[in-house]
């Protein structure tokens, strides 16, 4: 009896320990969820307070590192995205002997505060970039604008949409090229087959002529049919002949009567 009581007591203690551990683990999970929720709410509030500026022109020799170095002196920056230029324009510029490095067509800069983004856009737009006089961008002009009610997520969605459209167009071009290639190859195969048929018919004709067989025997394969379409005759322009003209007497009296 004592052993049974001890066994039941041990089972009860182990069940209590298991329940305590499960409670502790659930409490830890709840605390983690709460912290994560608070972090997400904090990030969302920060994202709502951020402002985005648009640069319609990126000077040569400027990349995201140099742009961040220049604009960070006006306020805290977030993300920067510079759109690369068209590859065809880059090839044309390099062939013409221009700048051979990477250039960007436009860019977006995210500021930590909307007020700072508005102030920077109003202050720099249309102004000279400046800096060191030896710098290649010293005489360039800022082309910057604050985007009202524009978030960085809108930019990522637009980039993803453009990339999907570009991929769809590329797939369409590739499919059209594949169809043209298949059509061309099928025509080549058909032409080769017709050439082989003509060669066999010519060979059989020569064999029949050499053997002296009847030349009027029915051919094995029908001859190729070449269609000829009747063309209409062109209509002569008879309007010039039907127009009434002035007689030579009237013209002589007008110009030669003086």
Protein backbone atom coordinates (compact mmCIF):
# COMPACT_ATOMS: atom_id res chain seq x y z
CA UNK A 1 0.00 0.00 0.00
CA UNK A 2 2.78 2.41 0.84
CA UNK A 3 4.42 1.79 -2.53
CA UNK A 4 1.14 2.54 -4.33
CA UNK A 5 0.69 5.77 -2.39
CA UNK A 6 4.24 6.81 -3.16
CA UNK A 7 3.69 6.05 -6.86
CA UNK A 8 0.48 8.12 -6.95
CA UNK A 9 2.23 10.99 -5.15
CA UNK A 10 5.09 10.91 -7.66
CA UNK A 11 2.63 10.94 -10.56
CA UNK A 12 0.81 13.91 -9.08
CA UNK A 13 4.06 15.85 -8.62
CA UNK A 14 5.13 15.08 -12.22
CA UNK A 15 1.76 16.22 -13.59
CA UNK A 16 2.01 19.47 -11.63
CA UNK A 17 5.50 20.07 -13.03
CA UNK A 18 4.31 19.41 -16.58
CA UNK A 19 1.36 21.79 -16.15
CA UNK A 20 3.68 24.46 -14.74
CA UNK A 21 6.07 24.08 -17.70
CA UNK A 22 3.21 24.32 -20.20
CA UNK A 23 1.93 27.45 -18.47
CA UNK A 24 5.40 29.00 -18.53
CA UNK A 25 5.83 28.19 -22.24
CA UNK A 26 2.40 29.63 -23.07
CA UNK A 27 3.20 32.78 -21.08
CA UNK A 28 6.51 33.13 -22.94
CA UNK A 29 4.72 32.72 -26.30
CA UNK A 30 2.15 35.35 -25.27
CA UNK A 31 4.92 37.77 -24.27
CA UNK A 32 6.70 37.22 -27.59
CA UNK A 33 3.48 37.83 -29.52
CA UNK A 34 2.85 40.99 -27.53
CA UNK A 35 6.37 42.30 -28.16
CA UNK A 36 6.09 41.49 -31.86
CA UNK A 37 2.75 43.26 -32.07
CA UNK A 38 4.15 46.33 -30.34
CA UNK A 39 7.14 46.30 -32.69
CA UNK A 40 4.90 46.06 -35.74
CA UNK A 41 2.71 48.91 -34.50
CA UNK A 42 5.81 51.00 -33.87
CA UNK A 43 7.14 50.28 -37.36
CA UNK A 44 3.75 51.11 -38.87
CA UNK A 45 3.65 54.44 -37.04
CA UNK A 46 7.18 55.18 -38.25
CA UNK A 47 6.21 54.24 -41.81
CA UNK A 48 3.24 56.60 -41.67
CA UNK A 49 5.56 59.42 -40.62
CA UNK A 50 8.07 58.79 -43.43
CA UNK A 51 8.22 60.92 -46.58
CA UNK A 52 9.45 60.09 -50.07
CA UNK A 53 11.13 62.48 -52.52
CA UNK A 54 11.43 61.89 -56.25
CA UNK A 55 14.51 62.81 -58.31
CA UNK A 56 13.64 63.15 -62.00
CA UNK A 57 17.30 63.31 -63.04
CA UNK A 58 20.42 61.68 -61.61
CA UNK A 59 23.66 63.40 -62.66
CA UNK A 60 26.48 61.30 -64.14
CA UNK A 61 29.05 59.88 -61.70
CA UNK A 62 26.41 59.82 -58.91
CA UNK A 63 25.31 56.59 -57.26
CA UNK A 64 23.26 55.77 -54.15
CA UNK A 65 26.32 55.99 -51.86
CA UNK A 66 27.17 59.53 -52.96
CA UNK A 67 23.53 60.58 -52.90
CA UNK A 68 23.13 59.32 -49.34
CA UNK A 69 26.30 61.12 -48.31
CA UNK A 70 24.97 64.43 -49.68
CA UNK A 71 21.37 64.19 -48.43
CA UNK A 72 22.11 62.71 -45.01
CA UNK A 73 23.35 66.11 -43.81
CA UNK A 74 19.78 67.45 -44.06
CA UNK A 75 18.09 64.68 -42.08
CA UNK A 76 17.81 60.97 -41.35
CA UNK A 77 17.44 58.86 -44.49
CA UNK A 78 15.78 55.53 -45.05
CA UNK A 79 15.84 53.61 -48.29
CA UNK A 80 17.18 54.85 -51.65
CA UNK A 81 16.38 53.42 -55.04
CA UNK A 82 17.94 54.56 -58.32
CA UNK A 83 16.49 53.21 -61.57
CA UNK A 84 19.18 52.13 -64.06
CA UNK A 85 19.08 53.74 -67.48
CA UNK A 86 17.93 52.00 -70.63
CA UNK A 87 20.57 49.46 -71.81
CA UNK A 88 20.23 50.67 -75.42
CA UNK A 89 20.97 54.25 -74.35
CA UNK A 90 23.97 53.03 -72.39
CA UNK A 91 25.36 51.18 -75.42
CA UNK A 92 24.76 54.21 -77.67
CA UNK A 93 26.53 56.51 -75.17
CA UNK A 94 29.54 54.20 -74.89
CA UNK A 95 29.83 53.92 -78.66
CA UNK A 96 29.73 57.72 -78.95
CA UNK A 97 32.64 58.00 -76.53
CA UNK A 98 30.68 59.27 -73.52
CA UNK A 99 30.70 58.24 -69.88
CA UNK A 100 31.30 54.50 -69.71
CA UNK A 101 30.10 53.91 -66.16
CA UNK A 102 26.66 53.08 -64.81
CA UNK A 103 24.13 55.89 -65.05
CA UNK A 104 20.65 56.18 -63.54
CA UNK A 105 17.57 57.78 -65.05
CA UNK A 106 15.55 58.59 -61.90
CA UNK A 107 15.50 57.92 -58.18
CA UNK A 108 13.48 57.87 -54.95
CA UNK A 109 14.74 58.82 -51.49
CA UNK A 110 12.93 58.01 -48.24
CA UNK A 111 13.27 60.38 -45.28
CA UNK A 112 12.45 59.42 -41.71
CA UNK A 113 10.12 62.44 -41.33
CA UNK A 114 7.69 64.02 -43.76
CA UNK A 115 8.54 67.53 -42.60
CA UNK A 116 12.23 66.98 -43.38
CA UNK A 117 11.40 65.58 -46.82
CA UNK A 118 9.20 68.59 -47.65
CA UNK A 119 11.82 71.04 -46.41
CA UNK A 120 14.63 69.36 -48.37
CA UNK A 121 12.56 69.29 -51.59
CA UNK A 122 11.58 72.96 -51.27
CA UNK A 123 15.13 74.00 -50.42
CA UNK A 124 17.10 72.03 -53.02
CA UNK A 125 14.83 71.95 -56.07
CA UNK A 126 16.34 74.04 -58.87
CA UNK A 127 19.49 74.78 -56.88
CA UNK A 128 23.09 73.93 -57.76
CA UNK A 129 24.40 70.74 -56.18
CA UNK A 130 27.70 72.38 -55.28
CA UNK A 131 30.29 70.76 -53.07
CA UNK A 132 33.90 70.70 -54.14
CA UNK A 133 34.66 72.60 -57.35
CA UNK A 134 36.68 69.71 -58.68
CA UNK A 135 33.66 67.46 -58.37
CA UNK A 136 32.01 66.33 -61.61
CA UNK A 137 28.54 67.20 -60.24
CA UNK A 138 29.42 70.67 -58.93
CA UNK A 139 27.50 72.55 -61.65
CA UNK A 140 24.54 70.12 -61.86
CA UNK A 141 21.07 71.18 -60.71
CA UNK A 142 18.81 69.39 -58.25
CA UNK A 143 15.53 68.10 -59.70
CA UNK A 144 13.74 66.92 -56.58
CA UNK A 145 10.08 66.87 -55.60
CA UNK A 146 8.20 65.73 -52.51
CA UNK A 147 5.55 63.08 -53.27
CA UNK A 148 2.42 63.71 -51.25
CA UNK A 149 0.69 60.61 -49.80
CA UNK A 150 3.28 58.37 -51.41
CA UNK A 151 4.70 55.39 -49.53
CA UNK A 152 7.64 53.13 -50.26
CA UNK A 153 5.24 50.19 -50.69
CA UNK A 154 3.70 52.01 -53.66
CA UNK A 155 7.13 52.14 -55.28
CA UNK A 156 7.79 48.43 -54.72
CA UNK A 157 4.36 47.57 -56.15
CA UNK A 158 5.03 49.72 -59.20
CA UNK A 159 8.46 48.12 -59.74
CA UNK A 160 6.96 44.64 -59.42
CA UNK A 161 4.18 45.54 -61.86
CA UNK A 162 6.66 46.92 -64.40
CA UNK A 163 8.87 43.86 -64.11
CA UNK A 164 5.84 41.58 -64.62
CA UNK A 165 4.78 43.58 -67.70
CA UNK A 166 8.34 43.44 -69.07
CA UNK A 167 8.50 39.68 -68.49
CA UNK A 168 5.12 39.22 -70.17
CA UNK A 169 6.24 41.24 -73.21
CA UNK A 170 9.48 39.25 -73.37
CA UNK A 171 7.53 35.98 -73.30
CA UNK A 172 5.28 37.25 -76.09
CA UNK A 173 8.29 38.23 -78.22
CA UNK A 174 9.95 34.87 -77.61
CA UNK A 175 6.77 32.96 -78.48
CA UNK A 176 6.34 34.99 -81.68
CA UNK A 177 9.97 34.33 -82.63
CA UNK A 178 9.49 30.62 -81.94
CA UNK A 179 6.39 30.53 -84.15
CA UNK A 180 8.26 32.27 -86.96
CA UNK A 181 11.18 29.86 -86.60
CA UNK A 182 8.88 26.82 -86.66
CA UNK A 183 7.06 28.18 -89.72
CA UNK A 184 10.36 28.84 -91.51
CA UNK A 185 11.70 25.38 -90.66
CA UNK A 186 8.47 23.73 -91.84
CA UNK A 187 8.70 25.59 -95.15
CA UNK A 188 12.33 24.52 -95.54
CA UNK A 189 11.39 20.92 -94.83
CA UNK A 190 8.53 21.10 -97.34
CA UNK A 191 10.81 22.62 -99.98
CA UNK A 192 13.42 19.91 -99.38
CA UNK A 193 10.77 17.20 -99.74
CA UNK A 194 9.50 18.73 -102.99
CA UNK A 195 13.05 18.96 -104.31
CA UNK A 196 13.65 15.31 -103.51
CA UNK A 197 10.38 14.38 -105.25
CA UNK A 198 11.39 16.33 -108.38
CA UNK A 199 14.83 14.70 -108.32
CA UNK A 200 13.29 11.21 -108.12
CA UNK A 201 10.85 11.97 -110.92
CA UNK A 202 13.68 13.31 -113.08
CA UNK A 203 15.77 10.20 -112.35
CA UNK A 204 12.90 7.88 -113.26
CA UNK A 205 12.27 9.83 -116.47
CA UNK A 206 15.91 9.46 -117.50
CA UNK A 207 15.82 5.74 -116.72
CA UNK A 208 12.71 5.31 -118.87
CA UNK A 209 14.30 7.25 -121.74
CA UNK A 210 17.49 5.18 -121.55
CA UNK A 211 15.60 1.88 -121.40
CA UNK A 212 13.40 2.89 -124.36
CA UNK A 213 10.14 2.38 -122.54
CA UNK A 214 6.96 4.20 -123.43
CA UNK A 215 7.49 7.88 -122.71
CA UNK A 216 3.77 8.51 -122.45
CA UNK A 217 3.38 6.31 -119.37
CA UNK A 218 1.61 7.91 -116.46
CA UNK A 219 4.02 9.56 -114.06
CA UNK A 220 4.29 8.29 -110.56
CA UNK A 221 3.84 11.71 -108.98
CA UNK A 222 1.75 14.59 -110.31
CA UNK A 223 3.58 17.62 -111.62
CA UNK A 224 3.75 20.74 -109.59
CA UNK A 225 0.91 23.13 -110.34
CA UNK A 226 1.86 26.76 -110.90
CA UNK A 227 -1.16 29.01 -110.79
CA UNK A 228 -1.38 32.05 -113.02
CA UNK A 229 -3.90 34.76 -112.34
CA UNK A 230 -5.29 37.00 -115.04
CA UNK A 231 -4.48 40.65 -114.51
CA UNK A 232 -6.81 43.51 -115.39
CA UNK A 233 -5.69 46.07 -117.93
CA UNK A 234 -4.80 49.48 -116.59
CA UNK A 235 -7.26 52.30 -117.19
CA UNK A 236 -5.87 55.20 -119.16
CA UNK A 237 -6.22 58.70 -117.81
CA UNK A 238 -8.53 60.43 -120.30
CA UNK A 239 -9.38 63.45 -118.17
CA UNK A 240 -6.69 65.58 -119.77
CA UNK A 241 -8.12 64.88 -123.25
CA UNK A 242 -11.71 65.69 -122.24
CA UNK A 243 -10.86 69.11 -120.78
CA UNK A 244 -11.73 72.03 -123.17
CA UNK A 245 -8.79 74.21 -124.17
CA UNK A 246 -8.39 77.70 -125.59
CA UNK A 247 -7.81 78.06 -129.30
CA UNK A 248 -4.61 79.53 -130.68
CA UNK A 249 -6.50 82.54 -132.15
CA UNK A 250 -7.77 83.60 -128.74
CA UNK A 251 -4.34 83.26 -127.18
CA UNK A 252 -2.77 85.27 -130.03
CA UNK A 253 -5.34 88.07 -129.60
CA UNK A 254 -4.67 88.22 -125.84
CA UNK A 255 -0.88 88.08 -125.81
CA UNK A 256 0.02 89.38 -129.24
CA UNK A 257 -2.48 92.20 -129.66
CA UNK A 258 -0.47 94.84 -127.83
